[in-house]
N, C-alpha and C. Protein backbone atom coordinates (compact mmCIF):
# COMPACT_ATOMS: atom_id res chain seq x y z
N MET A 1 20.81 34.14 -39.44
CA MET A 1 20.55 35.51 -39.02
C MET A 1 19.10 35.88 -39.44
N GLU A 2 18.36 36.37 -38.51
CA GLU A 2 16.97 36.74 -38.79
C GLU A 2 16.92 38.02 -39.60
N GLN A 3 16.16 37.99 -40.67
CA GLN A 3 16.04 39.15 -41.52
C GLN A 3 14.90 40.04 -41.03
N ARG A 4 15.21 41.32 -40.85
CA ARG A 4 14.20 42.24 -40.40
C ARG A 4 13.31 42.68 -41.58
N PRO A 5 12.05 42.89 -41.34
CA PRO A 5 11.12 43.18 -42.42
C PRO A 5 11.46 44.39 -43.27
N HIS A 6 12.08 45.41 -42.70
CA HIS A 6 12.32 46.62 -43.50
C HIS A 6 13.39 46.43 -44.58
N TYR A 7 14.06 45.27 -44.59
CA TYR A 7 15.02 45.04 -45.66
C TYR A 7 14.37 44.64 -46.98
N ASP A 8 13.06 44.40 -46.96
CA ASP A 8 12.33 44.14 -48.20
C ASP A 8 11.84 45.49 -48.73
N CYS A 9 12.77 46.36 -49.03
CA CYS A 9 12.47 47.74 -49.37
C CYS A 9 11.52 47.93 -50.54
N PRO A 10 11.49 47.07 -51.59
CA PRO A 10 10.56 47.33 -52.69
C PRO A 10 9.10 47.40 -52.27
N CYS A 11 8.76 46.79 -51.16
CA CYS A 11 7.35 46.81 -50.77
C CYS A 11 7.01 47.97 -49.84
N LEU A 12 8.02 48.74 -49.47
CA LEU A 12 7.75 49.87 -48.57
C LEU A 12 7.48 51.14 -49.35
N GLU A 13 6.60 51.95 -48.80
CA GLU A 13 6.33 53.25 -49.44
C GLU A 13 7.52 54.16 -49.28
N HIS A 14 8.15 54.14 -48.11
CA HIS A 14 9.29 55.00 -47.84
C HIS A 14 10.46 54.11 -47.40
N CYS A 15 11.38 53.86 -48.29
CA CYS A 15 12.51 52.96 -48.00
C CYS A 15 13.56 53.68 -47.21
N PRO A 16 13.93 53.18 -46.02
CA PRO A 16 14.95 53.82 -45.18
C PRO A 16 16.32 53.83 -45.86
N LEU A 17 16.66 52.78 -46.60
CA LEU A 17 17.96 52.74 -47.27
C LEU A 17 18.02 53.76 -48.41
N HIS A 18 16.92 53.91 -49.12
CA HIS A 18 16.88 54.91 -50.18
C HIS A 18 17.08 56.31 -49.58
N TYR A 19 16.43 56.55 -48.44
CA TYR A 19 16.59 57.84 -47.77
C TYR A 19 18.04 58.07 -47.37
N ALA A 20 18.66 57.06 -46.75
CA ALA A 20 20.05 57.19 -46.33
C ALA A 20 20.97 57.46 -47.51
N MET A 21 20.77 56.73 -48.61
CA MET A 21 21.62 56.91 -49.77
C MET A 21 21.37 58.26 -50.44
N SER A 22 20.16 58.81 -50.29
CA SER A 22 19.93 60.14 -50.86
C SER A 22 20.72 61.20 -50.09
N LEU A 23 21.03 60.92 -48.83
CA LEU A 23 21.83 61.85 -48.03
C LEU A 23 23.33 61.71 -48.25
N ILE A 24 23.81 60.46 -48.40
CA ILE A 24 25.26 60.25 -48.45
C ILE A 24 25.73 59.61 -49.75
N GLY A 25 24.79 59.31 -50.67
CA GLY A 25 25.18 58.68 -51.93
C GLY A 25 25.92 59.65 -52.83
N GLY A 26 26.56 59.10 -53.79
CA GLY A 26 27.35 59.92 -54.70
C GLY A 26 28.82 59.66 -54.49
N LYS A 27 29.61 60.14 -55.43
CA LYS A 27 31.02 59.78 -55.43
C LYS A 27 31.81 60.43 -54.30
N TRP A 28 31.43 61.60 -53.82
CA TRP A 28 32.31 62.36 -52.94
C TRP A 28 31.78 62.59 -51.53
N LYS A 29 30.50 62.36 -51.26
CA LYS A 29 29.97 62.71 -49.96
C LYS A 29 30.59 61.97 -48.80
N VAL A 30 30.85 60.69 -48.96
CA VAL A 30 31.46 59.92 -47.88
C VAL A 30 32.89 60.43 -47.62
N GLN A 31 33.63 60.72 -48.68
CA GLN A 31 34.98 61.26 -48.51
C GLN A 31 34.96 62.60 -47.82
N ILE A 32 34.01 63.42 -48.12
CA ILE A 32 33.88 64.74 -47.48
C ILE A 32 33.61 64.53 -45.99
N LEU A 33 32.67 63.66 -45.65
CA LEU A 33 32.35 63.41 -44.24
C LEU A 33 33.56 62.90 -43.49
N CYS A 34 34.29 61.96 -44.08
CA CYS A 34 35.48 61.42 -43.43
C CYS A 34 36.56 62.49 -43.27
N ALA A 35 36.73 63.32 -44.29
CA ALA A 35 37.74 64.39 -44.19
C ALA A 35 37.39 65.37 -43.09
N LEU A 36 36.11 65.73 -42.97
CA LEU A 36 35.73 66.65 -41.91
C LEU A 36 35.76 66.02 -40.53
N ASN A 37 35.52 64.72 -40.49
CA ASN A 37 35.57 64.01 -39.20
C ASN A 37 37.00 63.98 -38.67
N THR A 38 37.96 63.73 -39.55
CA THR A 38 39.35 63.63 -39.10
C THR A 38 40.06 64.99 -39.08
N GLY A 39 39.59 65.94 -39.90
CA GLY A 39 40.29 67.22 -40.01
C GLY A 39 39.66 68.34 -39.21
N GLY A 40 38.52 68.11 -38.63
CA GLY A 40 37.83 69.19 -37.89
C GLY A 40 37.28 70.19 -38.86
N SER A 41 37.05 71.42 -38.40
CA SER A 41 36.53 72.47 -39.27
C SER A 41 37.59 72.81 -40.32
N LEU A 42 37.16 72.84 -41.56
CA LEU A 42 38.10 73.11 -42.67
C LEU A 42 37.53 74.18 -43.57
N ARG A 43 38.41 75.01 -44.06
CA ARG A 43 38.03 75.97 -45.10
C ARG A 43 37.92 75.19 -46.42
N TYR A 44 37.21 75.81 -47.35
CA TYR A 44 36.89 75.16 -48.61
C TYR A 44 38.13 74.58 -49.31
N ASN A 45 39.17 75.40 -49.50
CA ASN A 45 40.37 74.94 -50.21
C ASN A 45 41.10 73.85 -49.48
N ALA A 46 41.14 73.92 -48.15
CA ALA A 46 41.78 72.87 -47.35
C ALA A 46 41.00 71.56 -47.50
N LEU A 47 39.67 71.63 -47.51
CA LEU A 47 38.83 70.47 -47.69
C LEU A 47 39.04 69.88 -49.09
N LYS A 48 39.11 70.75 -50.08
CA LYS A 48 39.32 70.31 -51.46
C LYS A 48 40.64 69.56 -51.59
N LYS A 49 41.69 70.04 -50.94
CA LYS A 49 42.99 69.36 -50.97
C LYS A 49 42.91 68.01 -50.26
N ARG A 50 42.20 67.96 -49.15
CA ARG A 50 42.06 66.69 -48.39
C ARG A 50 41.33 65.63 -49.19
N VAL A 51 40.28 66.05 -49.90
CA VAL A 51 39.46 65.10 -50.65
C VAL A 51 40.22 64.69 -51.92
N GLY A 52 40.82 65.62 -52.61
CA GLY A 52 41.66 65.33 -53.77
C GLY A 52 40.91 64.81 -54.98
N GLY A 53 41.00 65.53 -56.07
CA GLY A 53 40.40 65.07 -57.32
C GLY A 53 38.98 65.53 -57.59
N VAL A 54 38.37 66.19 -56.66
CA VAL A 54 37.00 66.65 -56.83
C VAL A 54 37.02 68.06 -57.46
N SER A 55 36.07 68.29 -58.37
CA SER A 55 36.00 69.63 -59.01
C SER A 55 35.32 70.60 -58.06
N ASN A 56 35.49 71.87 -58.31
CA ASN A 56 34.86 72.89 -57.48
C ASN A 56 33.34 72.81 -57.51
N THR A 57 32.79 72.58 -58.68
CA THR A 57 31.33 72.49 -58.83
C THR A 57 30.78 71.30 -58.03
N VAL A 58 31.40 70.15 -58.19
CA VAL A 58 30.93 68.95 -57.50
C VAL A 58 31.08 69.09 -55.99
N LEU A 59 32.20 69.63 -55.54
CA LEU A 59 32.42 69.81 -54.10
C LEU A 59 31.39 70.80 -53.53
N ALA A 60 31.17 71.90 -54.20
CA ALA A 60 30.18 72.89 -53.73
C ALA A 60 28.80 72.28 -53.67
N ASP A 61 28.42 71.53 -54.69
CA ASP A 61 27.08 70.88 -54.69
C ASP A 61 26.98 69.86 -53.58
N ALA A 62 28.01 69.04 -53.40
CA ALA A 62 27.97 68.00 -52.35
C ALA A 62 27.89 68.65 -50.98
N LEU A 63 28.65 69.70 -50.75
CA LEU A 63 28.63 70.39 -49.44
C LEU A 63 27.24 70.98 -49.18
N ARG A 64 26.65 71.56 -50.21
CA ARG A 64 25.30 72.15 -50.08
C ARG A 64 24.30 71.05 -49.72
N GLU A 65 24.37 69.90 -50.39
CA GLU A 65 23.44 68.82 -50.10
C GLU A 65 23.69 68.23 -48.70
N LEU A 66 24.94 68.07 -48.31
CA LEU A 66 25.22 67.56 -46.97
C LEU A 66 24.75 68.55 -45.90
N GLU A 67 24.87 69.84 -46.18
CA GLU A 67 24.37 70.85 -45.26
C GLU A 67 22.85 70.80 -45.16
N GLN A 68 22.18 70.66 -46.29
CA GLN A 68 20.72 70.57 -46.28
C GLN A 68 20.24 69.32 -45.55
N GLY A 69 21.03 68.26 -45.61
CA GLY A 69 20.69 67.01 -44.91
C GLY A 69 21.05 67.05 -43.42
N GLY A 70 21.67 68.11 -42.97
CA GLY A 70 22.01 68.25 -41.55
C GLY A 70 23.28 67.49 -41.15
N LEU A 71 24.10 67.10 -42.13
CA LEU A 71 25.28 66.33 -41.81
C LEU A 71 26.54 67.20 -41.77
N VAL A 72 26.49 68.36 -42.38
CA VAL A 72 27.61 69.29 -42.41
C VAL A 72 27.11 70.68 -42.03
N ARG A 73 27.94 71.41 -41.29
CA ARG A 73 27.60 72.79 -40.89
C ARG A 73 28.53 73.74 -41.65
N ARG A 74 27.96 74.78 -42.18
CA ARG A 74 28.72 75.82 -42.87
C ARG A 74 28.70 77.04 -41.98
N ALA A 75 29.88 77.53 -41.63
CA ALA A 75 29.98 78.73 -40.80
C ALA A 75 30.67 79.83 -41.60
N GLU A 76 30.01 80.98 -41.70
CA GLU A 76 30.55 82.10 -42.43
C GLU A 76 30.95 83.18 -41.44
N TYR A 77 32.19 83.62 -41.53
CA TYR A 77 32.73 84.64 -40.61
C TYR A 77 32.89 85.93 -41.41
N LEU A 78 32.26 86.97 -40.92
CA LEU A 78 32.27 88.26 -41.63
C LEU A 78 33.59 88.99 -41.41
N GLU A 79 34.57 88.54 -42.11
CA GLU A 79 35.90 89.14 -42.07
C GLU A 79 36.19 89.61 -43.51
N VAL A 80 37.29 90.29 -43.68
CA VAL A 80 37.73 90.68 -45.01
C VAL A 80 39.03 89.99 -45.29
N PRO A 81 39.07 89.04 -46.23
CA PRO A 81 37.93 88.50 -46.99
C PRO A 81 37.10 87.59 -46.11
N VAL A 82 35.87 87.31 -46.55
CA VAL A 82 34.96 86.45 -45.80
C VAL A 82 35.57 85.06 -45.66
N ARG A 83 35.53 84.54 -44.45
CA ARG A 83 36.04 83.18 -44.17
C ARG A 83 34.88 82.24 -43.98
N VAL A 84 34.90 81.11 -44.69
CA VAL A 84 33.87 80.08 -44.57
C VAL A 84 34.54 78.79 -44.17
N GLU A 85 33.97 78.14 -43.15
CA GLU A 85 34.50 76.85 -42.69
C GLU A 85 33.37 75.83 -42.71
N TYR A 86 33.73 74.58 -42.94
CA TYR A 86 32.80 73.49 -42.93
C TYR A 86 33.19 72.50 -41.85
N ALA A 87 32.19 71.95 -41.18
CA ALA A 87 32.45 70.98 -40.09
C ALA A 87 31.35 69.92 -40.13
N ILE A 88 31.69 68.73 -39.69
CA ILE A 88 30.71 67.68 -39.57
C ILE A 88 29.86 67.98 -38.36
N THR A 89 28.55 67.74 -38.46
CA THR A 89 27.63 68.01 -37.32
C THR A 89 27.61 66.76 -36.42
N ALA A 90 26.96 66.92 -35.27
CA ALA A 90 26.78 65.79 -34.37
C ALA A 90 26.00 64.67 -35.07
N GLU A 91 25.02 65.03 -35.88
CA GLU A 91 24.25 64.04 -36.64
C GLU A 91 25.15 63.34 -37.65
N GLY A 92 26.03 64.09 -38.29
CA GLY A 92 26.97 63.49 -39.23
C GLY A 92 27.93 62.53 -38.55
N LYS A 93 28.34 62.87 -37.34
CA LYS A 93 29.25 62.00 -36.60
C LYS A 93 28.62 60.64 -36.27
N THR A 94 27.29 60.59 -36.17
CA THR A 94 26.64 59.33 -35.89
C THR A 94 26.78 58.34 -37.06
N LEU A 95 27.11 58.87 -38.24
CA LEU A 95 27.31 58.01 -39.41
C LEU A 95 28.70 57.37 -39.42
N ILE A 96 29.68 57.95 -38.72
CA ILE A 96 31.05 57.50 -38.83
C ILE A 96 31.21 56.03 -38.44
N PRO A 97 30.64 55.56 -37.32
CA PRO A 97 30.77 54.12 -37.00
C PRO A 97 30.17 53.21 -38.09
N ILE A 98 29.10 53.67 -38.70
CA ILE A 98 28.46 52.89 -39.77
C ILE A 98 29.39 52.85 -40.98
N LEU A 99 29.98 53.99 -41.31
CA LEU A 99 30.94 54.03 -42.43
C LEU A 99 32.17 53.19 -42.15
N GLU A 100 32.60 53.16 -40.90
CA GLU A 100 33.73 52.32 -40.53
C GLU A 100 33.38 50.84 -40.70
N GLN A 101 32.18 50.43 -40.31
CA GLN A 101 31.72 49.07 -40.48
C GLN A 101 31.65 48.73 -41.99
N LEU A 102 31.15 49.63 -42.77
CA LEU A 102 31.08 49.42 -44.21
C LEU A 102 32.48 49.27 -44.80
N SER A 103 33.41 50.07 -44.30
CA SER A 103 34.80 49.98 -44.73
C SER A 103 35.41 48.61 -44.36
N ASP A 104 35.13 48.15 -43.15
CA ASP A 104 35.61 46.83 -42.74
C ASP A 104 35.05 45.73 -43.63
N TRP A 105 33.76 45.81 -43.94
CA TRP A 105 33.13 44.85 -44.83
C TRP A 105 33.81 44.86 -46.21
N ALA A 106 34.02 46.06 -46.74
CA ALA A 106 34.64 46.19 -48.06
C ALA A 106 36.05 45.65 -48.06
N GLU A 107 36.80 45.90 -46.98
CA GLU A 107 38.15 45.41 -46.91
C GLU A 107 38.18 43.87 -46.94
N GLN A 108 37.27 43.24 -46.20
CA GLN A 108 37.17 41.77 -46.20
C GLN A 108 36.80 41.29 -47.58
N HIS A 109 35.85 41.95 -48.23
CA HIS A 109 35.42 41.56 -49.56
C HIS A 109 36.55 41.69 -50.59
N MET A 110 37.33 42.75 -50.46
CA MET A 110 38.45 42.97 -51.38
C MET A 110 39.51 41.88 -51.20
N LYS A 111 39.75 41.48 -49.95
CA LYS A 111 40.73 40.40 -49.68
C LYS A 111 40.25 39.10 -50.30
N GLN A 112 38.93 38.83 -50.17
CA GLN A 112 38.40 37.60 -50.74
C GLN A 112 38.53 37.60 -52.27
N GLU A 113 38.33 38.73 -52.88
CA GLU A 113 38.46 38.83 -54.35
C GLU A 113 39.90 38.64 -54.79
N GLU A 114 40.84 39.14 -53.98
CA GLU A 114 42.26 38.98 -54.32
C GLU A 114 42.68 37.51 -54.31
N HIS A 115 42.08 36.73 -53.42
CA HIS A 115 42.46 35.32 -53.28
C HIS A 115 41.59 34.40 -54.15
N ALA A 116 40.63 34.96 -54.86
CA ALA A 116 39.76 34.14 -55.71
C ALA A 116 40.40 33.85 -57.06
């Protein structure tokens, strides 16, 4: 397999993989994206239940970072009480096939480790 030059990231001034990981890296961001992809627009508490095990502070920070990166949309509805929903953006949806490929790779790797 021919290796593309941009995979030698240490020699690049702006590493594309570093950029990607700055957007989706961390313990909970991928789970949040997957939950929003399968669950559609979700309110904060519903999303927290879907992700499971994440603290309020970490979830709020991750959602804010995903929103700043253009991967999640926050919609606030001026009702009493105020309703806030989160949804994956079209840009975020472009990551789903990549995450599915990564999941397939990990599943294969896990099977190999089990048989080693």
